[in-house]
Amino acid sequence: MSAPKVGNLLSSKLDAELTPLLTVTAVSKAFGGLQALSDISLQVHAGEIFGLIGPNGAGKTTLFNALTGLYSIDRGEIRLNDARLDGRPPHQVLHAGLARTFQNIRLFAEMTALENVLVGRHARTTSGVVGAVLRLPGTRREEADSRERAAALLRRVGIAQHADRLAKNLPYGDQRRLEIARALATEPSLLALDEPAAGMNKAERAALRELLLQLQADGLTLLLIEHDVKLVMGLCTRLAVLDYGVKIAEGTPDVVSRDPKVIAAYLGDEAI
């Protein structure tokens, strides 16, 4: 079955009602004398796939790190579901509903795929140390539920057959999928993906595209950094383009691809 075209899943819904899930307002960040982000503002609407692109060093990952609490910001405001995220540590950002993956895979190599996803489930469990030590009934029920949910997430991303394999022994593309499953285990309202197609071959990228579209169809909102411009242009509802820490364009893929500033930033790259 062919994948939906850009915006087909959301166009009528977004036209009727644009609901900002993530709002970034005038965010700036400097490292010493280097201005990494300058007054970045954007909104990610509920249910869309929003792309963040730009040349190397444009500030994309810096913005991701600011959104997820790894970096503090110098000025501005970040809100998710109208709750302030800026100034909060990563674990609080996660609990607020923003989960992420990383450009460089960060799995627990010596743990199984199922165990990696269970780590993500801990963000949504309530049993404390006493319950775990005493093996209280509520704790046992929660653990069983977490295992069921983790197994379901492995099926959802297409790697259920690898549940008992060590993460380090999985094929590269499946490691990427496992990292997405672990992030999904935290039950995010917004999933931020940093270069999810990095290092993938053509078949793996096509499978990833189908997975992300399915997650969107299931109601998840996605924020995507990706250097594969063709993938981004064929996947995202809207895009923002950064260059030297400044937002130079924002809009639908068709609009952004024709923007002279975007073309200049990519030096006339034929992929745009």
Protein backbone atom coordinates (compact mmCIF):
# COMPACT_ATOMS: atom_id res chain seq x y z
CA MET A 1 0.00 0.00 0.00
CA SER A 2 1.45 3.35 -0.99
CA ALA A 3 2.21 5.90 1.72
CA PRO A 4 0.09 9.04 2.05
CA LYS A 5 1.43 12.13 0.33
CA VAL A 6 2.61 15.17 2.25
CA GLY A 7 -0.13 16.68 4.34
CA ASN A 8 -2.87 14.33 3.13
CA LEU A 9 -3.41 12.96 6.62
CA LEU A 10 -3.75 16.38 8.17
CA SER A 11 -4.53 19.06 5.62
CA SER A 12 -8.25 19.39 6.29
CA LYS A 13 -7.79 19.05 10.05
CA LEU A 14 -5.02 21.63 10.20
CA ASP A 15 -6.91 24.02 7.98
CA ALA A 16 -9.89 23.80 10.29
CA GLU A 17 -8.14 24.00 13.61
CA LEU A 18 -4.45 24.62 14.27
CA THR A 19 -3.65 23.51 17.79
CA PRO A 20 -0.17 24.47 18.99
CA LEU A 21 1.27 21.60 20.98
CA LEU A 22 4.81 23.01 21.21
CA THR A 23 5.44 26.75 21.21
CA VAL A 24 8.97 28.13 21.00
CA THR A 25 9.17 31.90 21.49
CA ALA A 26 12.29 34.03 20.82
CA VAL A 27 14.72 31.37 22.07
CA SER A 28 18.38 32.35 22.10
CA LYS A 29 21.46 30.42 23.21
CA ALA A 30 25.14 31.36 23.14
CA PHE A 31 28.27 29.40 23.96
CA GLY A 32 30.88 31.97 24.91
CA GLY A 33 31.16 34.26 21.91
CA LEU A 34 29.27 31.90 19.59
CA GLN A 35 25.59 32.70 19.11
CA ALA A 36 24.15 29.24 18.46
CA LEU A 37 20.46 30.28 18.41
CA SER A 38 19.06 33.75 17.78
CA ASP A 39 15.44 34.53 18.58
CA ILE A 40 14.01 31.25 17.28
CA SER A 41 10.22 31.10 17.28
CA LEU A 42 8.04 28.30 15.92
CA GLN A 43 4.95 26.26 16.68
CA VAL A 44 4.42 22.54 16.23
CA HIS A 45 0.75 21.67 15.86
CA ALA A 46 -0.86 18.61 17.41
CA GLY A 47 -0.84 15.63 15.04
CA GLU A 48 1.67 16.88 12.48
CA ILE A 49 5.18 15.90 11.46
CA PHE A 50 7.25 19.07 11.69
CA GLY A 51 10.71 19.10 10.12
CA LEU A 52 13.74 21.08 11.23
CA ILE A 53 16.43 21.31 8.57
CA GLY A 54 19.53 23.32 7.80
CA PRO A 55 23.22 22.94 6.94
CA ASN A 56 25.73 21.50 9.42
CA GLY A 57 26.21 23.91 12.30
CA ALA A 58 22.86 25.60 11.72
CA GLY A 59 21.75 25.07 15.33
CA LYS A 60 19.27 22.21 14.87
CA THR A 61 20.66 19.90 17.55
CA THR A 62 21.28 22.86 19.86
CA LEU A 63 17.57 23.67 19.61
CA PHE A 64 16.68 20.02 20.29
CA ASN A 65 18.93 20.04 23.35
CA ALA A 66 17.28 23.24 24.56
CA LEU A 67 13.80 21.79 24.06
CA THR A 68 14.63 18.64 26.01
CA GLY A 69 16.40 20.30 28.94
CA LEU A 70 19.97 19.31 28.09
CA TYR A 71 20.84 22.98 27.50
CA SER A 72 19.53 25.98 29.37
CA ILE A 73 18.49 28.91 27.21
CA ASP A 74 19.64 32.51 27.60
CA ARG A 75 16.36 34.10 26.56
CA GLY A 76 12.94 33.07 25.38
CA GLU A 77 10.27 30.59 26.33
CA ILE A 78 9.41 26.96 25.52
CA ARG A 79 5.93 25.58 26.20
CA LEU A 80 4.43 22.12 25.69
CA ASN A 81 0.68 21.90 26.13
CA ASP A 82 1.03 25.42 27.55
CA ALA A 83 3.34 24.23 30.36
CA ARG A 84 6.74 25.89 30.61
CA LEU A 85 9.64 23.58 29.75
CA ASP A 86 12.56 25.99 29.76
CA GLY A 87 14.53 25.83 32.99
CA ARG A 88 13.37 22.28 33.73
CA PRO A 89 15.79 19.30 33.81
CA PRO A 90 15.50 16.52 31.20
CA HIS A 91 13.58 14.09 33.42
CA GLN A 92 10.91 16.72 34.08
CA VAL A 93 10.69 17.54 30.38
CA LEU A 94 10.20 13.82 29.72
CA HIS A 95 7.44 13.61 32.31
CA ALA A 96 5.80 16.64 30.71
CA GLY A 97 5.46 14.65 27.49
CA LEU A 98 8.47 15.41 25.29
CA ALA A 99 10.64 12.39 24.47
CA ARG A 100 13.56 12.25 22.06
CA THR A 101 16.02 10.05 20.24
CA PHE A 102 19.62 10.97 19.48
CA GLN A 103 21.71 11.25 16.34
CA ASN A 104 24.21 8.84 17.88
CA ILE A 105 22.29 5.80 19.12
CA ARG A 106 22.21 5.63 22.91
CA LEU A 107 20.92 2.18 23.76
CA PHE A 108 21.94 0.00 26.70
CA ALA A 109 24.13 -2.32 24.65
CA GLU A 110 24.31 -5.17 27.17
CA MET A 111 20.55 -5.23 27.76
CA THR A 112 17.97 -6.96 25.57
CA ALA A 113 15.64 -5.08 23.28
CA LEU A 114 12.76 -5.72 25.68
CA GLU A 115 14.79 -4.50 28.65
CA ASN A 116 15.70 -1.30 26.80
CA VAL A 117 12.02 -0.53 26.26
CA LEU A 118 11.26 -1.35 29.90
CA VAL A 119 13.74 1.36 30.89
CA GLY A 120 11.54 3.82 29.03
CA ARG A 121 8.46 2.50 30.84
CA HIS A 122 9.97 3.47 34.21
CA ALA A 123 9.10 7.09 33.41
CA ARG A 124 5.42 6.14 33.72
CA THR A 125 5.49 3.65 36.60
CA THR A 126 4.63 4.52 40.19
CA SER A 127 5.95 1.64 42.31
CA GLY A 128 8.69 2.67 44.69
CA VAL A 129 11.70 0.91 46.15
CA VAL A 130 9.69 -0.67 48.98
CA GLY A 131 7.22 -2.21 46.56
CA ALA A 132 10.02 -3.58 44.42
CA VAL A 133 11.89 -5.08 47.37
CA LEU A 134 8.82 -6.62 49.02
CA ARG A 135 7.31 -7.69 45.69
CA LEU A 136 3.96 -6.20 46.62
CA PRO A 137 0.97 -7.23 44.47
CA GLY A 138 0.59 -3.76 42.98
CA THR A 139 4.23 -3.75 41.98
CA ARG A 140 3.96 -7.18 40.36
CA ARG A 141 0.89 -6.08 38.40
CA GLU A 142 2.64 -2.94 37.23
CA GLU A 143 5.70 -4.91 36.15
CA ALA A 144 3.56 -7.35 34.19
CA ASP A 145 1.73 -4.46 32.52
CA SER A 146 5.03 -2.81 31.63
CA ARG A 147 6.30 -6.01 30.01
CA GLU A 148 3.12 -6.32 27.97
CA ARG A 149 3.35 -2.70 26.86
CA ALA A 150 7.05 -3.06 26.02
CA ALA A 151 6.37 -6.16 23.93
CA ALA A 152 3.54 -4.32 22.15
CA LEU A 153 5.88 -1.43 21.32
CA LEU A 154 8.45 -3.80 19.85
CA ARG A 155 5.66 -5.17 17.63
CA ARG A 156 4.60 -1.63 16.76
CA VAL A 157 8.06 -0.71 15.43
CA GLY A 158 8.51 -4.08 13.71
CA ILE A 159 11.20 -5.76 15.80
CA ALA A 160 9.23 -8.09 18.09
CA GLN A 161 11.36 -10.99 16.89
CA HIS A 162 14.40 -9.37 18.55
CA ALA A 163 12.86 -8.98 22.03
CA ASP A 164 15.43 -11.24 23.72
CA ARG A 165 18.48 -10.20 21.70
CA LEU A 166 21.09 -7.88 23.17
CA ALA A 167 20.76 -4.38 21.74
CA LYS A 168 24.38 -4.42 20.56
CA ASN A 169 23.66 -7.46 18.37
CA LEU A 170 20.75 -5.92 16.47
CA PRO A 171 21.15 -4.72 12.87
CA TYR A 172 21.75 -0.99 12.69
CA GLY A 173 18.31 -0.13 11.34
CA ASP A 174 16.66 -2.18 14.07
CA GLN A 175 18.71 -0.37 16.71
CA ARG A 176 17.19 2.86 15.40
CA ARG A 177 13.73 1.34 15.69
CA LEU A 178 14.49 0.14 19.21
CA GLU A 179 15.45 3.66 20.25
CA ILE A 180 12.11 4.90 18.91
CA ALA A 181 10.28 2.15 20.83
CA ARG A 182 12.06 3.11 24.05
CA ALA A 183 11.05 6.75 23.55
CA LEU A 184 7.46 5.71 22.83
CA ALA A 185 7.44 3.76 26.09
CA THR A 186 7.43 7.08 27.98
CA GLU A 187 4.03 7.87 26.40
CA PRO A 188 5.05 11.22 24.88
CA SER A 189 2.69 13.73 23.37
CA LEU A 190 5.61 14.93 21.21
CA LEU A 191 8.40 12.71 19.92
CA ALA A 192 11.57 14.53 18.79
CA LEU A 193 13.77 12.51 16.42
CA ASP A 194 17.35 13.60 15.81
CA GLU A 195 18.58 12.20 12.47
CA PRO A 196 16.56 8.96 12.65
CA ALA A 197 17.58 7.92 9.12
CA ALA A 198 21.32 8.52 9.65
CA GLY A 199 23.33 5.55 8.42
CA MET A 200 20.32 3.72 6.98
CA ASN A 201 20.23 2.20 3.52
CA LYS A 202 17.46 2.92 1.02
CA ALA A 203 15.21 0.06 2.17
CA GLU A 204 15.64 0.98 5.83
CA ARG A 205 14.79 4.63 5.11
CA ALA A 206 11.64 3.58 3.25
CA ALA A 207 10.59 1.39 6.19
CA LEU A 208 11.31 4.24 8.61
CA ARG A 209 9.13 6.58 6.57
CA GLU A 210 6.23 4.12 6.77
CA LEU A 211 6.72 3.78 10.53
CA LEU A 212 6.71 7.54 11.13
CA LEU A 213 3.60 8.01 9.00
CA GLN A 214 1.88 5.26 10.97
CA LEU A 215 2.82 6.92 14.27
CA GLN A 216 1.35 10.15 12.95
CA ALA A 217 -1.80 8.34 11.83
CA ASP A 218 -2.08 6.95 15.37
CA GLY A 219 -2.19 10.53 16.68
CA LEU A 220 1.41 11.16 17.70
CA THR A 221 3.07 14.50 16.98
CA LEU A 222 6.61 14.30 15.59
CA LEU A 223 9.44 16.84 15.45
CA LEU A 224 12.16 15.73 13.06
CA ILE A 225 15.76 16.74 12.36
CA GLU A 226 16.98 15.03 9.23
CA HIS A 227 19.70 15.60 6.63
CA ASP A 228 17.91 13.40 4.09
CA VAL A 229 16.08 16.30 2.47
CA LYS A 230 14.06 14.10 0.12
CA LEU A 231 12.78 12.13 3.10
CA VAL A 232 11.86 15.32 4.95
CA MET A 233 10.16 16.91 1.95
CA GLY A 234 8.10 13.79 1.37
CA LEU A 235 7.16 13.28 5.00
CA CYS A 236 6.67 16.55 6.85
CA THR A 237 3.54 18.67 7.00
CA ARG A 238 5.60 21.81 7.62
CA LEU A 239 9.28 22.72 7.91
CA ALA A 240 11.48 25.33 9.54
CA VAL A 241 14.95 26.02 8.17
CA LEU A 242 17.83 27.22 10.33
CA ASP A 243 21.09 28.74 9.14
CA TYR A 244 23.78 29.98 11.55
CA GLY A 245 21.29 29.82 14.42
CA VAL A 246 18.65 31.95 12.66
CA LYS A 247 15.33 30.75 11.29
CA ILE A 248 15.38 31.73 7.61
CA ALA A 249 12.18 30.05 6.42
CA GLU A 250 9.10 28.19 7.58
CA GLY A 251 6.14 26.66 5.76
CA THR A 252 5.00 23.68 3.75
CA PRO A 253 7.63 21.67 1.85
CA ASP A 254 6.54 23.22 -1.46
CA VAL A 255 6.93 26.76 -0.12
CA VAL A 256 10.22 26.12 1.66
CA SER A 257 11.79 24.33 -1.32
CA ARG A 258 11.30 27.43 -3.48
CA ASP A 259 12.56 29.95 -0.92
CA PRO A 260 15.69 31.73 -2.27
CA LYS A 261 17.24 31.94 1.20
CA VAL A 262 16.87 28.18 1.64
CA ILE A 263 18.37 27.46 -1.76
CA ALA A 264 21.29 29.78 -0.98
CA ALA A 265 21.87 28.16 2.43
CA TYR A 266 22.16 24.77 0.78
CA LEU A 267 24.36 26.22 -1.99
CA GLY A 268 21.87 25.25 -4.65
CA ASP A 269 21.75 21.62 -3.55
CA GLU A 270 19.68 19.72 -6.11
CA ALA A 271 17.92 17.89 -3.27
CA ILE A 272 15.98 21.04 -2.35
